[in-house]
Amino acid sequence: MTPTSSLAGRLRRLFAARRTPPPDAGPLGPIGAAGDATPPPVAAEGLAARMPALIVAATHIAATVAAGAHGRRQAGPGDSFWQFRPAQPGEPVTRIDWRQSARSSRAYIRETEAEAAQTICLWCDPSASMRWRSDAALPLKSDRAALLTLAAGALLLRHGERVRLLTPDGAVDIPPGGRTALDRLGLALLRTMENAPDAPAWPHPQQAPRHARIVLISDGLAPPETIATLLRGLAARPARAHLLLVNDPAEAALPYAGRIRFAGLEGEDPLLLSGTEGLRPAYAAAFADHQARIGDICRATGHDLIRHTTDRRPEHALLALHAALSDRPGGRA
């Protein structure tokens, strides 16, 4: 008999399940199918039909979050005051702020905040595990991830940042240009999600420019070692990542009972369980451990982690992401 902990691990890998027609009832009773998902070809067509509405929704969400200019939170060329610091030997006299220096026995330099545009890279996980939801009243994880990618892009373009979409075929730069720029981002995102394999690779660290920010939106159901390799590579460039995990609420709770068939979306063998409710504690512990390992990796490599479930409003996730990009409190989970 397979140990409960082993079954929990298999379930965590297989949880993104596709609804399959239930077979005839057997001696153990009818077999249910967990969750609701759409086969890849239909999912691509459906996403194309929903993209205009997603762009409109993303624009509205970004407008509720946008507030003021997005500074780089470091000294450099700009108009906004940043800080006074003691003058160092050899600095030009013209840089000294004489009014501030007159208040003490030391000479002080007035620094302004750098306001040059940053390069912000966006990556939206196009894998088949994202095309799942536990209830028809909830959005597919892929739809919520696409919405957050577009909303983040709209917010960044509004602030004059350089936006780059990372795809399996390379980076796609999105030139600024108001709504037209957001439409270009939506089209590039649609092509990426339509053409990606069921289990695409995560982006390579070399795709991110040095000192760039990279926003990674995924369900995080990849092996922790895969995520750790990427985050360590980004830290070495150096580049700073903001990992936004988008999960269905059922992925943490396993709210199923009875005889259930779980069918993997990424080529995994199906898994048939009886008495699924008895597995719930072990599964919840395995899922929590997986999430904790990702959190430990982010802290060890100096990156941000934001958690979001599809039963919550997308504004909450975008606010947390905006705070992280602005280096304000509240941006880390």
Protein backbone atom coordinates (compact mmCIF):
# COMPACT_ATOMS: atom_id res chain seq x y z
CA MET A 1 0.00 0.00 0.00
CA THR A 2 1.29 3.47 -0.87
CA PRO A 3 2.03 5.60 2.24
CA THR A 4 -0.23 8.58 2.78
CA SER A 5 2.66 11.03 2.55
CA SER A 6 3.65 9.62 -0.85
CA LEU A 7 0.09 9.97 -2.11
CA ALA A 8 0.05 13.56 -0.87
CA GLY A 9 3.17 14.29 -2.89
CA ARG A 10 1.67 12.75 -6.01
CA LEU A 11 -1.53 14.69 -5.50
CA ARG A 12 0.35 17.95 -5.18
CA ARG A 13 1.97 17.30 -8.56
CA LEU A 14 -1.26 16.17 -10.17
CA PHE A 15 -3.67 18.60 -8.57
CA ALA A 16 -4.16 20.71 -11.67
CA ALA A 17 -6.79 18.31 -12.93
CA ARG A 18 -8.86 18.12 -16.11
CA ARG A 19 -12.49 17.07 -15.92
CA THR A 20 -12.95 13.77 -17.72
CA PRO A 21 -16.24 11.95 -18.40
CA PRO A 22 -16.83 9.74 -15.35
CA PRO A 23 -16.88 6.02 -16.14
CA ASP A 24 -19.69 3.74 -15.09
CA ALA A 25 -20.13 3.20 -11.38
CA GLY A 26 -18.02 0.35 -10.06
CA PRO A 27 -18.29 -1.67 -6.89
CA LEU A 28 -16.94 1.27 -4.88
CA GLY A 29 -19.52 3.69 -6.23
CA PRO A 30 -19.39 6.46 -8.85
CA ILE A 31 -16.11 8.12 -9.63
CA GLY A 32 -16.00 11.91 -9.47
CA ALA A 33 -13.54 14.22 -11.24
CA ALA A 34 -11.84 17.02 -9.34
CA GLY A 35 -12.12 20.54 -10.64
CA ASP A 36 -12.97 22.00 -14.01
CA ALA A 37 -10.58 22.68 -16.87
CA THR A 38 -10.71 23.13 -20.61
CA PRO A 39 -8.60 21.11 -23.06
CA PRO A 40 -5.74 23.19 -24.53
CA PRO A 41 -7.17 23.93 -28.04
CA VAL A 42 -10.46 25.19 -26.63
CA ALA A 43 -8.61 27.08 -23.90
CA ALA A 44 -6.59 28.98 -26.51
CA GLU A 45 -9.70 29.94 -28.47
CA GLY A 46 -11.49 30.95 -25.28
CA LEU A 47 -8.60 33.10 -24.14
CA ALA A 48 -8.54 34.90 -27.49
CA ALA A 49 -12.25 35.68 -27.11
CA ARG A 50 -11.75 36.90 -23.53
CA MET A 51 -8.60 38.96 -24.14
CA PRO A 52 -10.37 42.28 -24.98
CA ALA A 53 -12.37 42.06 -21.75
CA LEU A 54 -9.22 41.19 -19.82
CA ILE A 55 -7.47 44.26 -21.23
CA VAL A 56 -10.37 46.51 -20.21
CA ALA A 57 -10.44 44.98 -16.72
CA ALA A 58 -6.66 45.32 -16.42
CA THR A 59 -6.84 49.00 -17.35
CA HIS A 60 -9.47 49.58 -14.67
CA ILE A 61 -7.49 47.71 -12.00
CA ALA A 62 -4.30 49.57 -12.86
CA ALA A 63 -6.14 52.90 -12.62
CA THR A 64 -7.26 52.10 -9.07
CA VAL A 65 -3.69 51.32 -7.98
CA ALA A 66 -1.78 54.03 -9.85
CA ALA A 67 -0.70 56.89 -7.62
CA GLY A 68 2.01 59.39 -8.47
CA ALA A 69 5.35 58.91 -10.19
CA HIS A 70 7.28 55.71 -9.61
CA GLY A 71 10.71 56.72 -8.39
CA ARG A 72 13.72 54.43 -8.32
CA ARG A 73 14.20 54.92 -4.56
CA GLN A 74 17.90 55.66 -4.97
CA ALA A 75 20.09 58.71 -5.44
CA GLY A 76 20.53 59.95 -8.99
CA PRO A 77 19.38 62.49 -11.60
CA GLY A 78 15.89 63.76 -10.88
CA ASP A 79 13.84 66.58 -9.41
CA SER A 80 12.54 65.02 -6.18
CA PHE A 81 14.55 65.43 -2.98
CA TRP A 82 16.06 62.15 -1.77
CA GLN A 83 18.38 62.83 1.17
CA PHE A 84 21.20 64.89 2.66
CA ARG A 85 24.50 63.10 3.19
CA PRO A 86 27.87 64.26 4.53
CA ALA A 87 30.22 65.55 1.85
CA GLN A 88 33.21 63.35 1.08
CA PRO A 89 36.77 64.60 0.47
CA GLY A 90 37.31 65.59 -3.13
CA GLU A 91 33.65 66.27 -4.00
CA PRO A 92 32.97 69.44 -6.02
CA VAL A 93 32.06 72.46 -3.91
CA THR A 94 29.13 73.13 -6.24
CA ARG A 95 27.35 70.05 -4.89
CA ILE A 96 27.31 71.29 -1.28
CA ASP A 97 23.99 72.48 0.11
CA TRP A 98 25.16 75.55 2.04
CA ARG A 99 21.86 76.15 3.83
CA GLN A 100 21.82 72.64 5.33
CA SER A 101 25.57 72.78 6.04
CA ALA A 102 25.16 76.06 7.96
CA ARG A 103 23.03 74.25 10.55
CA SER A 104 25.91 72.04 11.67
CA SER A 105 29.68 71.83 11.68
CA ARG A 106 29.78 69.55 8.62
CA ALA A 107 29.25 70.09 4.90
CA TYR A 108 26.26 68.25 3.39
CA ILE A 109 25.37 67.18 -0.15
CA ARG A 110 21.75 67.37 -1.29
CA GLU A 111 20.80 64.30 -3.36
CA THR A 112 17.76 63.90 -5.58
CA GLU A 113 15.92 60.68 -6.36
CA ALA A 114 16.69 58.98 -9.65
CA GLU A 115 13.61 58.89 -11.89
CA ALA A 116 15.02 57.15 -14.95
CA ALA A 117 12.85 54.42 -16.38
CA GLN A 118 13.55 50.84 -15.34
CA THR A 119 13.31 47.69 -17.39
CA ILE A 120 10.57 45.54 -15.92
CA CYS A 121 10.30 42.03 -17.31
CA LEU A 122 6.97 40.18 -17.10
CA TRP A 123 6.56 36.41 -17.28
CA CYS A 124 3.17 34.72 -17.16
CA ASP A 125 3.24 30.95 -16.73
CA PRO A 126 1.60 29.44 -19.86
CA SER A 127 1.70 25.84 -18.62
CA ALA A 128 -1.35 23.59 -18.77
CA SER A 129 -1.55 23.40 -14.97
CA MET A 130 -2.74 27.02 -15.03
CA ARG A 131 -5.86 26.12 -17.05
CA TRP A 132 -7.79 24.84 -14.06
CA ARG A 133 -10.36 25.92 -11.50
CA SER A 134 -12.14 24.07 -8.74
CA ASP A 135 -15.51 25.75 -9.31
CA ALA A 136 -17.23 27.32 -12.31
CA ALA A 137 -17.77 30.49 -10.24
CA LEU A 138 -14.00 31.02 -10.04
CA PRO A 139 -11.72 32.20 -12.85
CA LEU A 140 -9.20 29.86 -14.39
CA LYS A 141 -5.78 30.41 -12.88
CA SER A 142 -4.52 31.24 -16.38
CA ASP A 143 -7.16 33.99 -16.76
CA ARG A 144 -6.28 35.52 -13.40
CA ALA A 145 -2.56 35.35 -14.21
CA ALA A 146 -3.13 36.98 -17.61
CA LEU A 147 -5.26 39.71 -15.98
CA LEU A 148 -2.55 40.47 -13.42
CA THR A 149 0.14 40.49 -16.11
CA LEU A 150 -1.85 42.98 -18.18
CA ALA A 151 -2.70 45.12 -15.14
CA ALA A 152 0.95 45.20 -14.06
CA GLY A 153 1.92 46.15 -17.62
CA ALA A 154 -0.67 48.93 -17.73
CA LEU A 155 0.56 50.30 -14.40
CA LEU A 156 4.21 50.18 -15.43
CA LEU A 157 3.61 51.75 -18.84
CA ARG A 158 1.63 54.53 -17.15
CA HIS A 159 4.69 55.25 -15.00
CA GLY A 160 6.98 55.38 -18.03
CA GLU A 161 8.83 52.13 -17.35
CA ARG A 162 10.29 49.92 -20.07
CA VAL A 163 8.21 46.74 -20.23
CA ARG A 164 9.46 43.45 -21.64
CA LEU A 165 7.44 40.23 -21.89
CA LEU A 166 9.50 37.05 -21.49
CA THR A 167 8.34 34.19 -23.72
CA PRO A 168 9.72 30.75 -24.66
CA ASP A 169 10.78 32.26 -27.99
CA GLY A 170 12.64 35.20 -26.42
CA ALA A 171 11.91 38.63 -25.01
CA VAL A 172 9.27 40.93 -26.54
CA ASP A 173 9.78 44.64 -25.87
CA ILE A 174 6.58 46.67 -25.54
CA PRO A 175 7.16 50.23 -26.78
CA PRO A 176 5.23 52.88 -24.83
CA GLY A 177 2.10 54.27 -26.43
CA GLY A 178 -0.94 54.38 -24.17
CA ARG A 179 -3.73 51.88 -24.85
CA THR A 180 -1.95 50.77 -28.03
CA ALA A 181 0.99 49.55 -25.95
CA LEU A 182 -1.33 47.54 -23.70
CA ASP A 183 -2.99 46.01 -26.78
CA ARG A 184 0.46 44.97 -28.02
CA LEU A 185 1.20 43.40 -24.65
CA GLY A 186 -2.12 41.55 -24.75
CA LEU A 187 -1.41 40.23 -28.25
CA ALA A 188 2.09 39.07 -27.30
CA LEU A 189 0.72 37.40 -24.17
CA LEU A 190 -2.03 35.66 -26.15
CA ARG A 191 0.48 34.27 -28.67
CA THR A 192 2.68 33.02 -25.85
CA MET A 193 -0.14 31.21 -24.07
CA GLU A 194 -1.56 29.76 -27.29
CA ASN A 195 1.72 28.35 -28.58
CA ALA A 196 3.41 27.18 -25.39
CA PRO A 197 3.83 23.47 -24.65
CA ASP A 198 1.88 21.97 -21.78
CA ALA A 199 4.93 22.07 -19.50
CA PRO A 200 7.17 24.91 -20.71
CA ALA A 201 10.45 25.78 -19.06
CA TRP A 202 10.69 28.73 -16.71
CA PRO A 203 12.58 31.73 -18.15
CA HIS A 204 16.36 31.71 -18.17
CA PRO A 205 18.12 34.29 -15.95
CA GLN A 206 20.01 35.59 -19.00
CA GLN A 207 16.71 36.86 -20.44
CA ALA A 208 16.61 39.58 -17.76
CA PRO A 209 18.91 42.61 -18.21
CA ARG A 210 21.30 43.36 -15.40
CA HIS A 211 19.71 45.37 -12.54
CA ALA A 212 16.24 44.80 -14.01
CA ARG A 213 13.10 43.78 -12.13
CA ILE A 214 11.34 40.61 -13.22
CA VAL A 215 7.75 39.76 -12.31
CA LEU A 216 7.05 36.01 -12.36
CA ILE A 217 3.36 35.02 -12.24
CA SER A 218 2.73 31.31 -11.77
CA ASP A 219 0.93 28.76 -9.59
CA GLY A 220 4.34 27.68 -8.27
CA LEU A 221 3.61 23.97 -8.77
CA ALA A 222 7.03 23.40 -10.31
CA PRO A 223 9.65 21.53 -8.27
CA PRO A 224 11.21 23.92 -5.72
CA GLU A 225 14.64 23.12 -7.19
CA THR A 226 13.55 24.56 -10.56
CA ILE A 227 12.41 27.79 -8.92
CA ALA A 228 15.56 27.95 -6.79
CA THR A 229 17.80 27.63 -9.87
CA LEU A 230 16.05 30.55 -11.56
CA LEU A 231 16.04 32.81 -8.49
CA ARG A 232 19.71 32.14 -7.71
CA GLY A 233 20.60 32.89 -11.32
CA LEU A 234 18.69 36.18 -11.21
CA ALA A 235 20.37 37.18 -7.94
CA ALA A 236 23.76 36.55 -9.53
CA ARG A 237 23.13 38.80 -12.57
CA PRO A 238 22.05 40.83 -10.48
CA ALA A 239 18.32 41.22 -11.09
CA ARG A 240 15.47 41.30 -8.59
CA ALA A 241 12.46 39.04 -8.92
CA HIS A 242 8.92 39.42 -7.65
CA LEU A 243 7.29 35.97 -7.59
CA LEU A 244 3.48 36.19 -7.60
CA LEU A 245 1.84 32.83 -6.87
CA VAL A 246 -1.71 32.45 -8.22
CA ASN A 247 -3.51 29.45 -6.75
CA ASP A 248 -7.04 28.13 -6.64
CA PRO A 249 -8.33 28.00 -3.05
CA ALA A 250 -8.96 24.24 -3.37
CA GLU A 251 -5.26 23.63 -4.02
CA ALA A 252 -4.48 24.23 -0.37
CA ALA A 253 -7.54 22.51 1.12
CA LEU A 254 -8.33 19.41 -1.03
CA PRO A 255 -12.10 19.84 -0.44
CA TYR A 256 -13.08 16.50 -1.99
CA ALA A 257 -14.50 13.30 -0.54
CA GLY A 258 -15.18 9.80 -1.79
CA ARG A 259 -13.76 8.13 -4.86
CA ILE A 260 -12.06 10.75 -7.06
CA ARG A 261 -10.06 10.50 -10.27
CA PHE A 262 -7.29 13.11 -10.69
CA ALA A 263 -6.03 13.52 -14.27
CA GLY A 264 -2.86 15.50 -14.88
CA LEU A 265 -2.79 18.27 -17.49
CA GLU A 266 0.94 17.99 -18.18
CA GLY A 267 1.32 14.35 -19.14
CA GLU A 268 1.15 12.81 -15.66
CA ASP A 269 -0.53 9.46 -15.14
CA PRO A 270 -4.05 9.70 -13.69
CA LEU A 271 -4.53 8.93 -10.02
CA LEU A 272 -7.66 7.23 -8.63
CA LEU A 273 -8.28 7.58 -4.90
CA SER A 274 -10.92 6.20 -2.59
CA GLY A 275 -11.76 7.98 0.64
CA THR A 276 -10.06 11.18 -0.50
CA GLU A 277 -11.11 13.03 2.63
CA GLY A 278 -8.77 10.85 4.68
CA LEU A 279 -5.81 12.19 2.73
CA ARG A 280 -6.69 15.82 3.47
CA PRO A 281 -4.38 16.42 6.50
CA ALA A 282 -1.33 14.90 4.80
CA TYR A 283 -2.07 16.74 1.57
CA ALA A 284 -2.50 20.09 3.37
CA ALA A 285 0.83 19.55 5.13
CA ALA A 286 2.56 18.70 1.84
CA PHE A 287 1.14 21.76 0.10
CA ALA A 288 2.09 24.04 3.02
CA ASP A 289 5.61 22.58 3.00
CA HIS A 290 5.89 23.26 -0.74
CA GLN A 291 4.83 26.88 -0.23
CA ALA A 292 7.20 27.27 2.72
CA ARG A 293 10.14 26.00 0.67
CA ILE A 294 9.41 28.58 -2.03
CA GLY A 295 9.25 31.28 0.67
CA ASP A 296 12.61 30.16 2.08
CA ILE A 297 14.16 30.29 -1.39
CA CYS A 298 12.89 33.84 -1.96
CA ARG A 299 14.21 35.06 1.39
CA ALA A 300 17.60 33.39 0.85
CA THR A 301 18.04 34.97 -2.58
CA GLY A 302 16.65 38.42 -1.73
CA HIS A 303 13.54 38.23 -3.91
CA ASP A 304 9.89 39.04 -3.13
CA LEU A 305 7.06 36.54 -2.75
CA ILE A 306 3.39 37.49 -3.08
CA ARG A 307 0.59 34.96 -2.62
CA HIS A 308 -2.84 35.27 -4.23
CA THR A 309 -5.86 32.98 -4.53
CA THR A 310 -8.44 33.30 -7.26
CA ASP A 311 -11.30 33.78 -4.78
CA ARG A 312 -9.81 37.17 -3.81
CA ARG A 313 -10.01 40.41 -5.76
CA PRO A 314 -7.11 40.94 -8.19
CA GLU A 315 -6.57 44.48 -6.85
CA HIS A 316 -5.12 42.98 -3.67
CA ALA A 317 -2.37 41.20 -5.59
CA LEU A 318 -1.61 44.21 -7.78
CA LEU A 319 -1.37 46.50 -4.75
CA ALA A 320 1.14 44.14 -3.14
CA LEU A 321 3.12 43.92 -6.37
CA HIS A 322 3.11 47.70 -6.77
CA ALA A 323 4.39 48.07 -3.20
CA ALA A 324 7.18 45.57 -3.88
CA LEU A 325 8.21 47.29 -7.10
CA SER A 326 8.24 50.61 -5.25
CA ASP A 327 10.25 49.11 -2.34
CA ARG A 328 7.50 50.05 0.10
CA PRO A 329 6.43 48.03 3.14
CA GLY A 330 3.76 45.47 2.40
CA GLY A 331 5.30 44.14 -0.80
CA ARG A 332 6.60 40.88 0.65
CA ALA A 333 4.71 37.84 1.90
